[in-house]
């Protein structure tokens, strides 16, 4: 019985990866970023959602999304946000944006606890080998 479950999980992984490639690539290539984001979100690929938001110059949204759905990715999103602000000559505003990885004491809910919960949740899920998708 255990080998059958592993086989079913392997098929799920392969099928989801094919679905991701088939559904997400065309809208993103055509500039239909909202559709690509919605598909990626429905498939549960939070890191890819964050990457798409950053790529489309929506770093503030990426930071908020990361804080909620993928706290381990928040540092990358905040760095992109600060970079965008600095490029627009808004360095004063960039300096006020707190990075939870560097300033965890500013986050009252306890940043370490949030990261531990994410780690726990990911440990109970299976991760796709190439795309970072998780199957819970």
N, C-alpha and C. Protein backbone atom coordinates (compact mmCIF):
# COMPACT_ATOMS: atom_id res chain seq x y z
N UNK A 1 0.80 -1.21 0.00
CA UNK A 1 0.00 0.00 0.00
C UNK A 1 0.85 1.28 0.00
N UNK A 2 1.97 1.36 0.77
CA UNK A 2 2.75 2.60 0.78
C UNK A 2 3.32 2.95 -0.60
N UNK A 3 3.74 1.94 -1.37
CA UNK A 3 4.30 2.25 -2.68
C UNK A 3 3.23 2.80 -3.62
N UNK A 4 1.97 2.40 -3.41
CA UNK A 4 0.88 2.92 -4.25
C UNK A 4 0.63 4.39 -3.95
N UNK A 5 0.69 4.74 -2.69
CA UNK A 5 0.53 6.16 -2.32
C UNK A 5 1.64 7.00 -2.91
N UNK A 6 2.86 6.49 -2.85
CA UNK A 6 3.99 7.22 -3.42
C UNK A 6 3.83 7.39 -4.92
N UNK A 7 3.32 6.37 -5.57
CA UNK A 7 3.09 6.45 -7.01
C UNK A 7 2.02 7.49 -7.34
N UNK A 8 0.94 7.51 -6.58
CA UNK A 8 -0.13 8.49 -6.79
C UNK A 8 0.41 9.90 -6.56
N UNK A 9 1.20 10.07 -5.52
CA UNK A 9 1.79 11.40 -5.24
C UNK A 9 2.73 11.82 -6.37
N UNK A 10 3.49 10.89 -6.89
CA UNK A 10 4.40 11.21 -7.99
C UNK A 10 3.62 11.66 -9.22
N UNK A 11 2.52 10.97 -9.52
CA UNK A 11 1.68 11.38 -10.65
C UNK A 11 1.07 12.76 -10.41
N UNK A 12 0.64 13.04 -9.19
CA UNK A 12 0.08 14.36 -8.87
C UNK A 12 1.12 15.44 -9.10
N UNK A 13 2.34 15.16 -8.71
CA UNK A 13 3.43 16.13 -8.88
C UNK A 13 3.66 16.41 -10.37
N UNK A 14 3.74 15.36 -11.15
CA UNK A 14 3.99 15.51 -12.59
C UNK A 14 2.84 16.24 -13.26
N UNK A 15 1.62 15.89 -12.92
CA UNK A 15 0.44 16.53 -13.52
C UNK A 15 0.38 18.00 -13.15
N UNK A 16 0.60 18.33 -11.87
CA UNK A 16 0.57 19.73 -11.47
C UNK A 16 1.66 20.55 -12.14
N UNK A 17 2.83 19.97 -12.31
CA UNK A 17 3.89 20.70 -12.99
C UNK A 17 3.51 20.98 -14.44
N UNK A 18 2.91 20.00 -15.11
CA UNK A 18 2.48 20.19 -16.49
C UNK A 18 1.38 21.24 -16.57
N UNK A 19 0.46 21.22 -15.63
CA UNK A 19 -0.62 22.21 -15.59
C UNK A 19 -0.03 23.60 -15.40
N UNK A 20 0.91 23.72 -14.49
CA UNK A 20 1.55 25.01 -14.23
C UNK A 20 2.20 25.55 -15.49
N UNK A 21 2.98 24.71 -16.15
CA UNK A 21 3.67 25.15 -17.37
C UNK A 21 2.69 25.50 -18.47
N UNK A 22 1.64 24.72 -18.61
CA UNK A 22 0.68 24.95 -19.69
C UNK A 22 -0.18 26.18 -19.45
N UNK A 23 -0.58 26.40 -18.20
CA UNK A 23 -1.49 27.50 -17.92
C UNK A 23 -0.80 28.83 -17.66
N UNK A 24 0.33 28.80 -16.98
CA UNK A 24 0.97 30.05 -16.56
C UNK A 24 1.83 30.69 -17.62
N UNK A 25 2.51 29.90 -18.42
CA UNK A 25 3.43 30.46 -19.40
C UNK A 25 2.75 31.33 -20.45
N UNK A 26 1.70 30.86 -21.13
CA UNK A 26 1.11 31.71 -22.16
C UNK A 26 0.60 33.08 -21.66
N UNK A 27 -0.15 33.15 -20.55
CA UNK A 27 -0.60 34.47 -20.10
C UNK A 27 0.56 35.39 -19.73
N UNK A 28 1.58 34.83 -19.11
CA UNK A 28 2.72 35.66 -18.71
C UNK A 28 3.48 36.16 -19.94
N UNK A 29 3.62 35.30 -20.94
CA UNK A 29 4.30 35.70 -22.17
C UNK A 29 3.52 36.78 -22.91
N UNK A 30 2.20 36.75 -22.80
CA UNK A 30 1.36 37.73 -23.48
C UNK A 30 1.16 39.00 -22.66
N UNK A 31 1.74 39.03 -21.46
CA UNK A 31 1.57 40.21 -20.60
C UNK A 31 0.28 40.20 -19.81
N UNK A 32 -0.39 39.08 -19.76
CA UNK A 32 -1.61 38.96 -18.98
C UNK A 32 -1.23 38.53 -17.55
N UNK A 33 -0.60 39.47 -16.85
CA UNK A 33 -0.01 39.16 -15.56
C UNK A 33 -1.04 38.84 -14.49
N UNK A 34 -2.19 39.50 -14.53
CA UNK A 34 -3.21 39.20 -13.53
C UNK A 34 -3.71 37.77 -13.67
N UNK A 35 -3.89 37.32 -14.89
CA UNK A 35 -4.32 35.95 -15.13
C UNK A 35 -3.23 34.96 -14.70
N UNK A 36 -1.99 35.25 -15.04
CA UNK A 36 -0.88 34.39 -14.64
C UNK A 36 -0.79 34.32 -13.11
N UNK A 37 -0.99 35.46 -12.45
CA UNK A 37 -0.94 35.48 -10.98
C UNK A 37 -2.08 34.64 -10.40
N UNK A 38 -3.29 34.79 -10.94
CA UNK A 38 -4.44 34.04 -10.43
C UNK A 38 -4.23 32.54 -10.58
N UNK A 39 -3.70 32.13 -11.71
CA UNK A 39 -3.44 30.70 -11.95
C UNK A 39 -2.39 30.19 -10.98
N UNK A 40 -1.32 30.95 -10.83
CA UNK A 40 -0.23 30.54 -9.95
C UNK A 40 -0.71 30.47 -8.50
N UNK A 41 -1.54 31.41 -8.11
CA UNK A 41 -2.09 31.41 -6.76
C UNK A 41 -2.99 30.20 -6.53
N UNK A 42 -3.83 29.88 -7.50
CA UNK A 42 -4.72 28.73 -7.37
C UNK A 42 -3.94 27.42 -7.28
N UNK A 43 -2.78 27.38 -7.92
CA UNK A 43 -1.95 26.17 -7.86
C UNK A 43 -1.12 26.12 -6.58
N UNK A 44 -1.14 27.19 -5.80
CA UNK A 44 -0.47 27.20 -4.51
C UNK A 44 1.02 27.47 -4.56
N UNK A 45 1.50 28.11 -5.61
CA UNK A 45 2.93 28.39 -5.75
C UNK A 45 3.22 29.82 -5.29
N UNK A 46 3.28 30.01 -3.98
CA UNK A 46 3.49 31.35 -3.42
C UNK A 46 4.80 32.00 -3.86
N UNK A 47 5.93 31.28 -3.86
CA UNK A 47 7.17 31.91 -4.32
C UNK A 47 7.08 32.42 -5.76
N UNK A 48 6.39 31.68 -6.63
CA UNK A 48 6.24 32.13 -8.02
C UNK A 48 5.34 33.36 -8.09
N UNK A 49 4.34 33.43 -7.24
CA UNK A 49 3.48 34.63 -7.18
C UNK A 49 4.30 35.85 -6.79
N UNK A 50 5.16 35.68 -5.80
CA UNK A 50 6.01 36.78 -5.34
C UNK A 50 6.96 37.21 -6.45
N UNK A 51 7.57 36.24 -7.12
CA UNK A 51 8.48 36.55 -8.23
C UNK A 51 7.75 37.31 -9.34
N UNK A 52 6.53 36.89 -9.65
CA UNK A 52 5.75 37.55 -10.70
C UNK A 52 5.42 38.99 -10.30
N UNK A 53 5.04 39.19 -9.05
CA UNK A 53 4.74 40.55 -8.58
C UNK A 53 5.99 41.44 -8.65
N UNK A 54 7.11 40.90 -8.25
CA UNK A 54 8.36 41.68 -8.30
C UNK A 54 8.73 41.99 -9.75
N UNK A 55 8.60 41.00 -10.61
CA UNK A 55 8.94 41.18 -12.03
C UNK A 55 8.07 42.23 -12.70
N UNK A 56 6.83 42.36 -12.25
CA UNK A 56 5.90 43.33 -12.85
C UNK A 56 5.87 44.65 -12.09
N UNK A 57 6.93 44.89 -11.31
CA UNK A 57 7.11 46.16 -10.58
C UNK A 57 5.98 46.41 -9.59
N UNK A 58 5.58 45.37 -8.90
CA UNK A 58 4.56 45.49 -7.86
C UNK A 58 5.14 44.96 -6.55
N UNK A 59 6.31 45.47 -6.22
CA UNK A 59 7.03 45.00 -5.03
C UNK A 59 6.28 45.24 -3.72
N UNK A 60 5.56 46.37 -3.55
CA UNK A 60 4.81 46.52 -2.29
C UNK A 60 3.78 45.40 -2.11
N UNK A 61 3.10 45.05 -3.21
CA UNK A 61 2.13 43.95 -3.14
C UNK A 61 2.85 42.64 -2.86
N UNK A 62 4.03 42.46 -3.44
CA UNK A 62 4.81 41.24 -3.22
C UNK A 62 5.20 41.12 -1.74
N UNK A 63 5.58 42.24 -1.13
CA UNK A 63 5.97 42.22 0.29
C UNK A 63 4.78 41.85 1.18
N UNK A 64 3.63 42.43 0.89
CA UNK A 64 2.44 42.11 1.69
C UNK A 64 2.00 40.67 1.46
N UNK A 65 2.05 40.22 0.23
CA UNK A 65 1.70 38.83 -0.09
C UNK A 65 2.66 37.88 0.62
N UNK A 66 3.94 38.19 0.57
CA UNK A 66 4.95 37.34 1.21
C UNK A 66 4.73 37.29 2.72
N UNK A 67 4.41 38.40 3.30
CA UNK A 67 4.17 38.45 4.75
C UNK A 67 3.04 37.52 5.14
N UNK A 68 2.03 37.43 4.29
CA UNK A 68 0.86 36.63 4.60
C UNK A 68 1.02 35.17 4.21
N UNK A 69 1.54 34.90 3.01
CA UNK A 69 1.52 33.54 2.48
C UNK A 69 2.87 32.83 2.45
N UNK A 70 3.95 33.57 2.44
CA UNK A 70 5.28 32.95 2.39
C UNK A 70 6.28 33.83 3.15
N UNK A 71 6.21 33.83 4.49
CA UNK A 71 7.06 34.72 5.28
C UNK A 71 8.55 34.58 5.00
N UNK A 72 8.99 33.40 4.61
CA UNK A 72 10.42 33.22 4.32
C UNK A 72 10.86 34.00 3.09
N UNK A 73 9.92 34.40 2.25
CA UNK A 73 10.22 35.16 1.03
C UNK A 73 10.11 36.67 1.25
N UNK A 74 9.73 37.09 2.45
CA UNK A 74 9.49 38.51 2.70
C UNK A 74 10.74 39.36 2.52
N UNK A 75 11.89 38.86 2.92
CA UNK A 75 13.12 39.62 2.77
C UNK A 75 13.41 39.99 1.33
N UNK A 76 13.20 39.03 0.43
CA UNK A 76 13.42 39.27 -1.01
C UNK A 76 12.46 40.33 -1.53
N UNK A 77 11.20 40.25 -1.12
CA UNK A 77 10.19 41.20 -1.58
C UNK A 77 10.46 42.59 -1.04
N UNK A 78 10.84 42.67 0.23
CA UNK A 78 11.14 43.98 0.83
C UNK A 78 12.37 44.60 0.17
N UNK A 79 13.37 43.79 -0.12
CA UNK A 79 14.56 44.30 -0.80
C UNK A 79 14.21 44.86 -2.18
N UNK A 80 13.33 44.17 -2.90
CA UNK A 80 12.89 44.66 -4.21
C UNK A 80 12.11 45.96 -4.06
N UNK A 81 11.27 46.05 -3.05
CA UNK A 81 10.49 47.26 -2.80
C UNK A 81 11.42 48.44 -2.51
N UNK A 82 12.38 48.22 -1.62
CA UNK A 82 13.34 49.28 -1.29
C UNK A 82 14.14 49.70 -2.53
N UNK A 83 14.50 48.73 -3.34
CA UNK A 83 15.25 49.01 -4.56
C UNK A 83 14.43 49.88 -5.52
N UNK A 84 13.14 49.53 -5.67
CA UNK A 84 12.26 50.33 -6.53
C UNK A 84 12.14 51.76 -6.02
N UNK A 85 11.99 51.91 -4.70
CA UNK A 85 11.87 53.25 -4.13
C UNK A 85 13.16 54.05 -4.31
N UNK A 86 14.29 53.40 -4.14
CA UNK A 86 15.58 54.08 -4.30
C UNK A 86 15.78 54.52 -5.75
N UNK A 87 15.37 53.66 -6.70
CA UNK A 87 15.48 54.02 -8.12
C UNK A 87 14.63 55.24 -8.46
N UNK A 88 13.54 55.42 -7.74
CA UNK A 88 12.64 56.55 -7.98
C UNK A 88 13.02 57.77 -7.12
N UNK A 89 14.24 57.76 -6.57
CA UNK A 89 14.75 58.84 -5.72
C UNK A 89 13.86 59.07 -4.50
N UNK A 90 13.38 58.00 -3.90
CA UNK A 90 12.57 58.07 -2.69
C UNK A 90 13.26 57.29 -1.57
N UNK A 91 14.52 57.62 -1.35
CA UNK A 91 15.32 56.87 -0.38
C UNK A 91 14.83 57.08 1.05
N UNK A 92 14.24 58.23 1.36
CA UNK A 92 13.70 58.44 2.71
C UNK A 92 12.58 57.45 3.00
N UNK A 93 11.71 57.26 2.02
CA UNK A 93 10.62 56.30 2.19
C UNK A 93 11.19 54.89 2.27
N UNK A 94 12.18 54.60 1.43
CA UNK A 94 12.80 53.27 1.43
C UNK A 94 13.39 52.93 2.79
N UNK A 95 13.96 53.93 3.46
CA UNK A 95 14.55 53.70 4.78
C UNK A 95 13.51 53.42 5.85
N UNK A 96 12.26 53.81 5.63
CA UNK A 96 11.22 53.57 6.63
C UNK A 96 10.57 52.19 6.49
N UNK A 97 10.81 51.52 5.39
CA UNK A 97 10.24 50.17 5.19
C UNK A 97 11.06 49.18 6.00
N UNK A 98 10.41 48.49 6.92
CA UNK A 98 11.10 47.54 7.80
C UNK A 98 11.18 46.17 7.16
N UNK A 99 12.34 45.60 7.22
CA UNK A 99 12.56 44.24 6.72
C UNK A 99 12.43 43.28 7.89
N UNK A 100 11.47 42.38 7.84
CA UNK A 100 11.26 41.48 8.98
C UNK A 100 12.44 40.56 9.25
N UNK A 101 13.25 40.27 8.24
CA UNK A 101 14.41 39.41 8.49
C UNK A 101 15.52 40.17 9.22
N UNK A 102 15.61 41.47 8.97
CA UNK A 102 16.63 42.28 9.62
C UNK A 102 16.13 42.94 10.90
N UNK A 103 14.85 43.25 10.97
CA UNK A 103 14.27 43.95 12.12
C UNK A 103 13.11 43.15 12.71
N UNK A 104 13.35 41.93 13.09
CA UNK A 104 12.26 41.09 13.59
C UNK A 104 11.63 41.63 14.87
N UNK A 105 12.37 42.45 15.62
CA UNK A 105 11.83 43.02 16.86
C UNK A 105 10.71 44.03 16.61
N UNK A 106 10.62 44.56 15.40
CA UNK A 106 9.56 45.53 15.07
C UNK A 106 8.22 44.86 14.79
N UNK A 107 8.23 43.56 14.66
CA UNK A 107 7.00 42.83 14.34
C UNK A 107 6.49 42.16 15.61
N UNK A 108 5.40 42.72 16.15
CA UNK A 108 4.89 42.32 17.45
C UNK A 108 4.49 40.85 17.53
N UNK A 109 3.99 40.31 16.45
CA UNK A 109 3.49 38.94 16.49
C UNK A 109 4.61 37.90 16.62
N UNK A 110 5.85 38.33 16.56
CA UNK A 110 6.97 37.41 16.69
C UNK A 110 7.33 36.78 15.36
N UNK A 111 8.28 37.36 14.70
CA UNK A 111 8.65 36.91 13.37
C UNK A 111 9.17 35.49 13.37
N UNK A 112 9.93 35.13 14.39
CA UNK A 112 10.47 33.77 14.47
C UNK A 112 9.34 32.75 14.57
N UNK A 113 8.28 33.09 15.29
CA UNK A 113 7.14 32.17 15.42
C UNK A 113 6.43 32.00 14.07
N UNK A 114 6.33 33.08 13.32
CA UNK A 114 5.70 33.03 12.00
C UNK A 114 6.51 32.14 11.06
N UNK A 115 7.82 32.30 11.08
CA UNK A 115 8.68 31.46 10.24
C UNK A 115 8.61 29.99 10.66
N UNK A 116 8.51 29.75 11.96
CA UNK A 116 8.39 28.37 12.45
C UNK A 116 7.08 27.74 11.98
N UNK A 117 6.00 28.52 12.00
CA UNK A 117 4.71 28.00 11.52
C UNK A 117 4.77 27.68 10.04
N UNK A 118 5.42 28.54 9.27
CA UNK A 118 5.56 28.26 7.83
C UNK A 118 6.37 26.99 7.61
N UNK A 119 7.45 26.86 8.35
CA UNK A 119 8.30 25.67 8.23
C UNK A 119 7.50 24.40 8.56
N UNK A 120 6.68 24.49 9.60
CA UNK A 120 5.82 23.37 10.00
C UNK A 120 4.84 23.00 8.89
N UNK A 121 4.22 24.02 8.32
CA UNK A 121 3.24 23.80 7.27
C UNK A 121 3.90 23.19 6.04
N UNK A 122 5.07 23.67 5.68
CA UNK A 122 5.78 23.13 4.52
C UNK A 122 6.27 21.71 4.76
N UNK A 123 6.61 21.41 6.00
CA UNK A 123 7.07 20.06 6.32
C UNK A 123 5.94 19.05 6.16
N UNK A 124 4.70 19.49 6.36
CA UNK A 124 3.58 18.57 6.23
C UNK A 124 3.09 18.45 4.78
N UNK A 125 3.66 19.23 3.91
CA UNK A 125 3.30 19.19 2.49
C UNK A 125 4.46 18.60 1.70
N UNK A 126 4.16 18.17 0.50
CA UNK A 126 5.20 17.71 -0.41
C UNK A 126 5.51 18.83 -1.39
N UNK A 127 6.76 19.02 -1.67
CA UNK A 127 7.17 20.07 -2.59
C UNK A 127 7.50 19.47 -3.95
N UNK A 128 7.03 20.14 -5.00
CA UNK A 128 7.38 19.69 -6.34
C UNK A 128 8.87 19.92 -6.56
N UNK A 129 9.49 19.02 -7.27
CA UNK A 129 10.93 19.03 -7.38
C UNK A 129 11.49 20.22 -8.13
N UNK A 130 10.78 20.83 -9.06
CA UNK A 130 11.41 21.91 -9.82
C UNK A 130 10.77 23.28 -9.59
N UNK A 131 9.46 23.34 -9.42
CA UNK A 131 8.81 24.62 -9.38
C UNK A 131 8.57 25.19 -8.01
N UNK A 132 8.74 24.42 -6.94
CA UNK A 132 8.49 24.92 -5.62
C UNK A 132 7.02 24.83 -5.23
N UNK A 133 6.18 24.23 -6.07
CA UNK A 133 4.78 24.05 -5.74
C UNK A 133 4.66 23.07 -4.59
N UNK A 134 3.66 23.25 -3.76
CA UNK A 134 3.46 22.32 -2.67
C UNK A 134 2.13 21.63 -2.80
N UNK A 135 2.12 20.38 -2.43
CA UNK A 135 0.89 19.59 -2.44
C UNK A 135 0.60 19.23 -0.99
N UNK A 136 -0.52 19.71 -0.48
CA UNK A 136 -0.87 19.41 0.91
C UNK A 136 -1.94 18.36 0.97
